[in-house]
N, C-alpha and C. Protein backbone atom coordinates (compact mmCIF):
# COMPACT_ATOMS: atom_id res chain seq x y z
N UNK A 1 88.42 42.48 40.71
CA UNK A 1 88.84 43.73 41.28
C UNK A 1 87.63 44.39 41.95
N UNK A 2 87.85 45.06 43.14
CA UNK A 2 86.79 45.69 43.92
C UNK A 2 86.57 47.11 43.45
N UNK A 3 85.36 47.56 43.79
CA UNK A 3 85.09 48.99 43.60
C UNK A 3 85.70 49.73 44.79
N UNK A 4 86.52 50.73 44.57
CA UNK A 4 87.13 51.54 45.64
C UNK A 4 86.69 52.97 45.44
N UNK A 5 86.23 53.55 46.55
CA UNK A 5 85.80 54.95 46.52
C UNK A 5 86.48 55.72 47.63
N UNK A 6 86.66 56.98 47.41
CA UNK A 6 87.19 57.89 48.44
C UNK A 6 86.14 58.92 48.76
N UNK A 7 86.08 59.30 50.02
CA UNK A 7 85.21 60.39 50.45
C UNK A 7 86.04 61.35 51.29
N UNK A 8 85.82 62.63 51.12
CA UNK A 8 86.55 63.65 51.85
C UNK A 8 85.58 64.44 52.70
N UNK A 9 85.96 64.66 53.93
CA UNK A 9 85.09 65.44 54.82
C UNK A 9 85.05 66.88 54.36
N UNK A 10 84.04 67.58 54.83
CA UNK A 10 84.00 69.03 54.64
C UNK A 10 85.04 69.65 55.56
N UNK A 11 85.14 70.96 55.61
CA UNK A 11 86.12 71.61 56.48
C UNK A 11 85.97 71.18 57.95
N UNK A 12 87.08 70.84 58.57
CA UNK A 12 87.09 70.51 59.99
C UNK A 12 87.72 71.70 60.71
N UNK A 13 86.92 72.37 61.49
CA UNK A 13 87.39 73.59 62.16
C UNK A 13 88.30 73.23 63.33
N UNK A 14 89.29 74.06 63.56
CA UNK A 14 90.19 73.92 64.69
C UNK A 14 90.57 75.30 65.19
N UNK A 15 91.12 75.35 66.37
CA UNK A 15 91.54 76.64 66.90
C UNK A 15 92.61 76.42 67.96
N UNK A 16 93.34 77.47 68.22
CA UNK A 16 94.33 77.45 69.30
C UNK A 16 93.71 78.10 70.53
N UNK A 17 94.19 77.70 71.68
CA UNK A 17 93.71 78.25 72.94
C UNK A 17 94.09 79.72 73.04
N UNK A 18 93.37 80.46 73.83
CA UNK A 18 93.65 81.87 74.07
C UNK A 18 94.18 82.02 75.49
N UNK A 19 95.25 82.81 75.67
CA UNK A 19 95.89 82.98 76.98
C UNK A 19 96.09 84.46 77.26
N UNK A 20 95.35 84.97 78.20
CA UNK A 20 95.45 86.38 78.61
C UNK A 20 96.58 86.48 79.63
N UNK A 21 97.43 87.50 79.57
CA UNK A 21 98.52 87.63 80.54
C UNK A 21 97.99 87.72 81.98
N UNK A 22 98.75 87.12 82.90
CA UNK A 22 98.39 87.24 84.31
C UNK A 22 98.63 88.68 84.76
N UNK A 23 98.01 89.06 85.88
CA UNK A 23 98.28 90.37 86.45
C UNK A 23 99.20 90.20 87.65
N UNK A 24 100.07 91.19 87.84
CA UNK A 24 101.05 91.14 88.92
C UNK A 24 101.06 92.48 89.63
N UNK A 25 100.93 92.46 90.95
CA UNK A 25 101.12 93.65 91.76
C UNK A 25 102.20 93.32 92.78
N UNK A 26 102.79 94.35 93.38
CA UNK A 26 103.87 94.09 94.32
C UNK A 26 103.92 95.07 95.45
N UNK A 27 104.62 94.64 96.50
CA UNK A 27 104.78 95.49 97.68
C UNK A 27 106.10 95.13 98.37
N UNK A 28 106.87 96.16 98.72
CA UNK A 28 108.09 95.95 99.50
C UNK A 28 107.69 95.91 100.96
N UNK A 29 108.29 95.00 101.73
CA UNK A 29 107.82 94.75 103.09
C UNK A 29 108.41 95.65 104.17
N UNK A 30 109.48 96.40 103.88
CA UNK A 30 110.09 97.20 104.94
C UNK A 30 110.88 98.36 104.35
N UNK A 31 111.10 99.39 105.19
CA UNK A 31 112.03 100.45 104.82
C UNK A 31 113.45 99.95 105.14
N UNK A 32 114.44 100.61 104.57
CA UNK A 32 115.80 100.08 104.66
C UNK A 32 116.78 101.04 105.30
N UNK A 33 117.68 100.50 106.10
CA UNK A 33 118.89 101.17 106.54
C UNK A 33 120.03 100.60 105.70
N UNK A 34 121.17 101.30 105.62
CA UNK A 34 122.29 100.74 104.86
C UNK A 34 122.63 99.32 105.30
N UNK A 35 122.82 98.45 104.31
CA UNK A 35 123.16 97.06 104.57
C UNK A 35 121.97 96.14 104.74
N UNK A 36 120.78 96.68 104.86
CA UNK A 36 119.60 95.85 105.07
C UNK A 36 118.96 95.43 103.75
N UNK A 37 118.20 94.33 103.83
CA UNK A 37 117.40 93.87 102.71
C UNK A 37 115.94 93.86 103.10
N UNK A 38 115.09 93.89 102.10
CA UNK A 38 113.64 93.78 102.32
C UNK A 38 113.09 92.76 101.34
N UNK A 39 112.06 92.08 101.78
CA UNK A 39 111.35 91.17 100.90
C UNK A 39 110.42 91.96 100.00
N UNK A 40 110.10 91.38 98.86
CA UNK A 40 109.07 91.92 97.98
C UNK A 40 108.00 90.84 97.87
N UNK A 41 106.76 91.21 98.09
CA UNK A 41 105.66 90.27 97.89
C UNK A 41 104.96 90.62 96.59
N UNK A 42 105.01 89.69 95.64
CA UNK A 42 104.28 89.84 94.40
C UNK A 42 102.97 89.09 94.54
N UNK A 43 101.91 89.66 94.02
CA UNK A 43 100.60 89.01 94.07
C UNK A 43 100.13 88.77 92.64
N UNK A 44 99.78 87.52 92.35
CA UNK A 44 99.43 87.10 91.00
C UNK A 44 97.94 86.80 90.89
N UNK A 45 97.39 87.13 89.73
CA UNK A 45 96.02 86.76 89.41
C UNK A 45 95.99 86.20 88.00
N UNK A 46 95.34 85.03 87.85
CA UNK A 46 95.16 84.42 86.54
C UNK A 46 93.74 84.74 86.06
N UNK A 47 93.59 85.61 85.06
CA UNK A 47 92.26 85.98 84.58
C UNK A 47 91.64 84.92 83.66
N UNK A 48 92.40 83.86 83.36
CA UNK A 48 91.94 82.86 82.42
C UNK A 48 91.07 81.80 83.08
N UNK A 49 89.90 81.58 82.53
CA UNK A 49 89.03 80.52 83.04
C UNK A 49 89.20 79.24 82.23
N UNK A 50 90.02 79.28 81.19
CA UNK A 50 90.21 78.14 80.31
C UNK A 50 91.53 77.40 80.52
N UNK A 51 92.55 78.06 81.06
CA UNK A 51 93.85 77.43 81.27
C UNK A 51 94.48 77.91 82.58
N UNK A 52 95.31 77.06 83.15
CA UNK A 52 96.10 77.46 84.31
C UNK A 52 97.32 78.22 83.82
N UNK A 53 97.97 78.97 84.71
CA UNK A 53 99.15 79.75 84.35
C UNK A 53 100.33 79.27 85.20
N UNK A 54 101.29 78.64 84.55
CA UNK A 54 102.48 78.15 85.24
C UNK A 54 103.55 79.23 85.15
N UNK A 55 103.99 79.71 86.32
CA UNK A 55 105.07 80.71 86.33
C UNK A 55 106.37 80.01 85.99
N UNK A 56 107.13 80.61 85.07
CA UNK A 56 108.38 79.96 84.66
C UNK A 56 109.61 80.81 84.94
N UNK A 57 109.44 82.12 85.20
CA UNK A 57 110.59 82.96 85.52
C UNK A 57 110.14 84.27 86.17
N UNK A 58 110.98 84.76 87.06
CA UNK A 58 110.82 86.09 87.65
C UNK A 58 112.17 86.78 87.54
N UNK A 59 112.15 87.99 87.00
CA UNK A 59 113.40 88.74 86.82
C UNK A 59 113.26 90.14 87.42
N UNK A 60 114.33 90.60 88.03
CA UNK A 60 114.35 91.97 88.54
C UNK A 60 114.36 92.93 87.37
N UNK A 61 113.60 94.00 87.50
CA UNK A 61 113.52 94.99 86.45
C UNK A 61 114.30 96.24 86.81
N UNK A 62 113.60 97.35 86.87
CA UNK A 62 114.22 98.64 87.10
C UNK A 62 114.04 99.14 88.53
N UNK A 63 114.92 100.02 88.92
CA UNK A 63 114.78 100.83 90.13
C UNK A 63 114.55 102.25 89.66
N UNK A 64 113.51 102.87 90.17
CA UNK A 64 113.22 104.27 89.84
C UNK A 64 113.18 105.05 91.14
N UNK A 65 114.08 106.01 91.30
CA UNK A 65 114.07 106.86 92.49
C UNK A 65 113.01 107.92 92.27
N UNK A 66 112.04 107.96 93.18
CA UNK A 66 110.95 108.92 93.07
C UNK A 66 111.31 110.26 93.72
N UNK A 67 111.86 110.18 94.93
CA UNK A 67 112.26 111.41 95.61
C UNK A 67 113.56 111.17 96.37
N UNK A 68 114.35 112.23 96.46
CA UNK A 68 115.57 112.24 97.25
C UNK A 68 115.75 113.70 97.69
N UNK A 69 116.35 113.90 98.85
CA UNK A 69 116.43 115.25 99.43
C UNK A 69 117.06 116.25 98.46
N UNK A 70 118.15 115.87 97.81
CA UNK A 70 118.84 116.77 96.89
C UNK A 70 118.83 116.11 95.51
N UNK A 71 118.23 116.75 94.54
CA UNK A 71 118.12 116.18 93.19
C UNK A 71 119.48 115.81 92.60
N UNK A 72 120.54 116.49 93.02
CA UNK A 72 121.89 116.17 92.53
C UNK A 72 122.35 114.78 92.97
N UNK A 73 121.69 114.20 93.98
CA UNK A 73 122.07 112.89 94.51
C UNK A 73 121.25 111.75 93.90
N UNK A 74 120.40 112.06 92.95
CA UNK A 74 119.51 111.06 92.36
C UNK A 74 120.28 109.86 91.82
N UNK A 75 121.31 110.09 91.02
CA UNK A 75 122.08 108.99 90.42
C UNK A 75 122.82 108.19 91.49
N UNK A 76 123.45 108.91 92.43
CA UNK A 76 124.16 108.21 93.51
C UNK A 76 123.21 107.28 94.26
N UNK A 77 122.06 107.80 94.66
CA UNK A 77 121.12 106.99 95.45
C UNK A 77 120.54 105.84 94.63
N UNK A 78 120.29 106.08 93.36
CA UNK A 78 119.81 105.00 92.49
C UNK A 78 120.80 103.83 92.50
N UNK A 79 122.07 104.15 92.42
CA UNK A 79 123.11 103.13 92.36
C UNK A 79 123.33 102.42 93.69
N UNK A 80 122.70 102.89 94.74
CA UNK A 80 122.85 102.26 96.06
C UNK A 80 121.82 101.15 96.30
N UNK A 81 120.91 100.96 95.36
CA UNK A 81 119.86 99.95 95.51
C UNK A 81 120.19 98.76 94.61
N UNK A 82 120.17 97.57 95.20
CA UNK A 82 120.40 96.34 94.45
C UNK A 82 119.15 95.48 94.49
N UNK A 83 118.84 94.86 93.36
CA UNK A 83 117.71 93.94 93.27
C UNK A 83 118.23 92.52 93.06
N UNK A 84 117.53 91.55 93.63
CA UNK A 84 117.97 90.17 93.53
C UNK A 84 116.77 89.23 93.47
N UNK A 85 116.92 88.16 92.71
CA UNK A 85 115.93 87.08 92.72
C UNK A 85 116.54 85.80 93.28
N UNK A 86 117.66 85.93 94.00
CA UNK A 86 118.35 84.77 94.56
C UNK A 86 117.47 84.00 95.54
N UNK A 87 116.54 84.68 96.21
CA UNK A 87 115.69 84.02 97.20
C UNK A 87 114.43 83.41 96.63
N UNK A 88 114.34 83.31 95.31
CA UNK A 88 113.13 82.76 94.68
C UNK A 88 113.16 81.24 94.78
N UNK A 89 112.11 80.70 95.37
CA UNK A 89 111.98 79.24 95.46
C UNK A 89 111.21 78.70 94.27
N UNK A 90 110.67 77.51 94.40
CA UNK A 90 109.87 76.93 93.31
C UNK A 90 108.70 77.86 92.95
N UNK A 91 108.47 78.03 91.67
CA UNK A 91 107.42 78.93 91.21
C UNK A 91 106.08 78.20 91.14
N UNK A 92 105.01 78.87 91.52
CA UNK A 92 103.70 78.21 91.56
C UNK A 92 103.01 78.18 90.19
N UNK A 93 101.95 77.39 90.13
CA UNK A 93 101.04 77.38 88.99
C UNK A 93 99.70 77.89 89.49
N UNK A 94 99.17 78.89 88.81
CA UNK A 94 97.88 79.46 89.20
C UNK A 94 96.75 78.66 88.57
N UNK A 95 95.77 78.32 89.39
CA UNK A 95 94.61 77.58 88.91
C UNK A 95 93.74 78.46 88.02
N UNK A 96 92.74 77.87 87.43
CA UNK A 96 91.79 78.61 86.60
C UNK A 96 91.20 79.77 87.40
N UNK A 97 91.27 80.95 86.86
CA UNK A 97 90.68 82.16 87.47
C UNK A 97 91.14 82.42 88.90
N UNK A 98 92.30 81.91 89.29
CA UNK A 98 92.79 82.12 90.65
C UNK A 98 93.20 83.57 90.84
N UNK A 99 92.80 84.14 91.96
CA UNK A 99 93.08 85.54 92.24
C UNK A 99 93.91 85.70 93.51
N UNK A 100 94.75 86.71 93.51
CA UNK A 100 95.46 87.18 94.69
C UNK A 100 96.33 86.12 95.38
N UNK A 101 97.16 85.45 94.59
CA UNK A 101 98.11 84.49 95.16
C UNK A 101 99.40 85.23 95.50
N UNK A 102 99.73 85.38 96.80
CA UNK A 102 100.96 86.08 97.17
C UNK A 102 102.18 85.17 97.01
N UNK A 103 103.30 85.79 96.62
CA UNK A 103 104.55 85.06 96.46
C UNK A 103 105.68 85.97 96.94
N UNK A 104 106.48 85.50 97.89
CA UNK A 104 107.52 86.32 98.51
C UNK A 104 108.86 86.11 97.84
N UNK A 105 109.48 87.23 97.46
CA UNK A 105 110.86 87.23 96.98
C UNK A 105 111.72 87.65 98.17
N UNK A 106 112.32 86.69 98.84
CA UNK A 106 113.08 86.97 100.06
C UNK A 106 114.34 87.78 99.75
N UNK A 107 114.56 88.84 100.52
CA UNK A 107 115.77 89.65 100.38
C UNK A 107 115.94 90.26 99.00
N UNK A 108 114.85 90.63 98.37
CA UNK A 108 114.89 91.06 96.96
C UNK A 108 115.44 92.47 96.75
N UNK A 109 115.34 93.33 97.76
CA UNK A 109 115.82 94.71 97.62
C UNK A 109 116.83 94.98 98.72
N UNK A 110 117.98 95.54 98.34
CA UNK A 110 119.02 95.84 99.33
C UNK A 110 119.50 97.27 99.13
N UNK A 111 119.68 97.96 100.26
CA UNK A 111 120.37 99.25 100.26
C UNK A 111 121.82 98.95 100.63
N UNK A 112 122.74 99.27 99.74
CA UNK A 112 124.15 98.91 99.94
C UNK A 112 124.66 99.40 101.29
N UNK A 113 125.56 98.61 101.83
CA UNK A 113 126.11 98.88 103.16
C UNK A 113 126.81 100.22 103.26
N UNK A 114 127.45 100.66 102.19
CA UNK A 114 128.20 101.92 102.24
C UNK A 114 127.37 103.14 101.82
N UNK A 115 126.06 102.99 101.73
CA UNK A 115 125.20 104.14 101.40
C UNK A 115 125.34 105.20 102.48
N UNK A 116 125.41 106.45 102.06
CA UNK A 116 125.58 107.50 103.05
C UNK A 116 124.29 108.32 103.24
N UNK A 117 124.40 109.35 104.03
CA UNK A 117 123.26 110.16 104.48
C UNK A 117 122.49 110.80 103.32
N UNK A 118 123.11 110.91 102.16
CA UNK A 118 122.43 111.53 101.02
C UNK A 118 121.16 110.78 100.62
N UNK A 119 121.09 109.50 100.96
CA UNK A 119 119.93 108.69 100.55
C UNK A 119 118.86 108.55 101.64
N UNK A 120 119.07 109.17 102.81
CA UNK A 120 118.05 109.03 103.85
C UNK A 120 116.73 109.63 103.37
N UNK A 121 115.65 108.95 103.65
CA UNK A 121 114.33 109.44 103.29
C UNK A 121 113.96 109.30 101.82
N UNK A 122 114.87 108.77 101.01
CA UNK A 122 114.58 108.60 99.59
C UNK A 122 113.40 107.65 99.43
N UNK A 123 112.60 107.88 98.39
CA UNK A 123 111.56 106.92 98.03
C UNK A 123 111.87 106.42 96.62
N UNK A 124 111.51 105.18 96.38
CA UNK A 124 111.79 104.57 95.08
C UNK A 124 110.77 103.46 94.84
N UNK A 125 110.70 103.05 93.59
CA UNK A 125 109.90 101.86 93.29
C UNK A 125 110.71 100.95 92.36
N UNK A 126 110.33 99.69 92.37
CA UNK A 126 111.03 98.68 91.58
C UNK A 126 110.02 97.98 90.67
N UNK A 127 110.53 97.38 89.61
CA UNK A 127 109.67 96.59 88.74
C UNK A 127 110.22 95.17 88.65
N UNK A 128 109.32 94.23 88.40
CA UNK A 128 109.67 92.82 88.33
C UNK A 128 108.93 92.23 87.13
N UNK A 129 109.63 91.43 86.34
CA UNK A 129 109.03 90.81 85.16
C UNK A 129 108.77 89.34 85.47
N UNK A 130 107.55 88.92 85.20
CA UNK A 130 107.14 87.54 85.47
C UNK A 130 106.72 86.90 84.15
N UNK A 131 107.24 85.73 83.87
CA UNK A 131 106.83 84.97 82.68
C UNK A 131 105.96 83.80 83.13
N UNK A 132 104.88 83.58 82.40
CA UNK A 132 103.99 82.46 82.68
C UNK A 132 103.61 81.81 81.36
N UNK A 133 103.34 80.50 81.46
CA UNK A 133 102.89 79.79 80.27
C UNK A 133 101.57 79.09 80.58
N UNK A 134 100.76 78.96 79.54
CA UNK A 134 99.47 78.29 79.68
C UNK A 134 99.67 76.79 79.78
N UNK A 135 99.00 76.18 80.75
CA UNK A 135 99.04 74.71 80.92
C UNK A 135 97.64 74.23 81.27
N UNK A 136 97.42 72.98 81.03
CA UNK A 136 96.12 72.36 81.38
C UNK A 136 96.13 71.93 82.82
């Protein structure tokens, strides 16, 4: 019979990667008349120098009416704005520390065709939610 021995290593350290959320800014490309749509350009920055950021989803968020001529028309005018992500094509992957990558959401904001004069001159802003995952 042989001599058999076992040896066990000391602690082997491990860790999970760290992923900082990407930053997103946006801009609507045009003012609207009833029935018209405008593109939204989102600009992405990956602050991570350790991993790339693969975009996996973009979702329309909120519409917030900032100003309207008559405050009583705020709800009506809010309901005249539609958001869409139907024009979203393939989503990009941001390289390590990549900054200012523009991405166009075609026809993302629409002022409904039957909107009336109460909404002329209104200002509003929209929000968009972007999901990204860390990839090598």
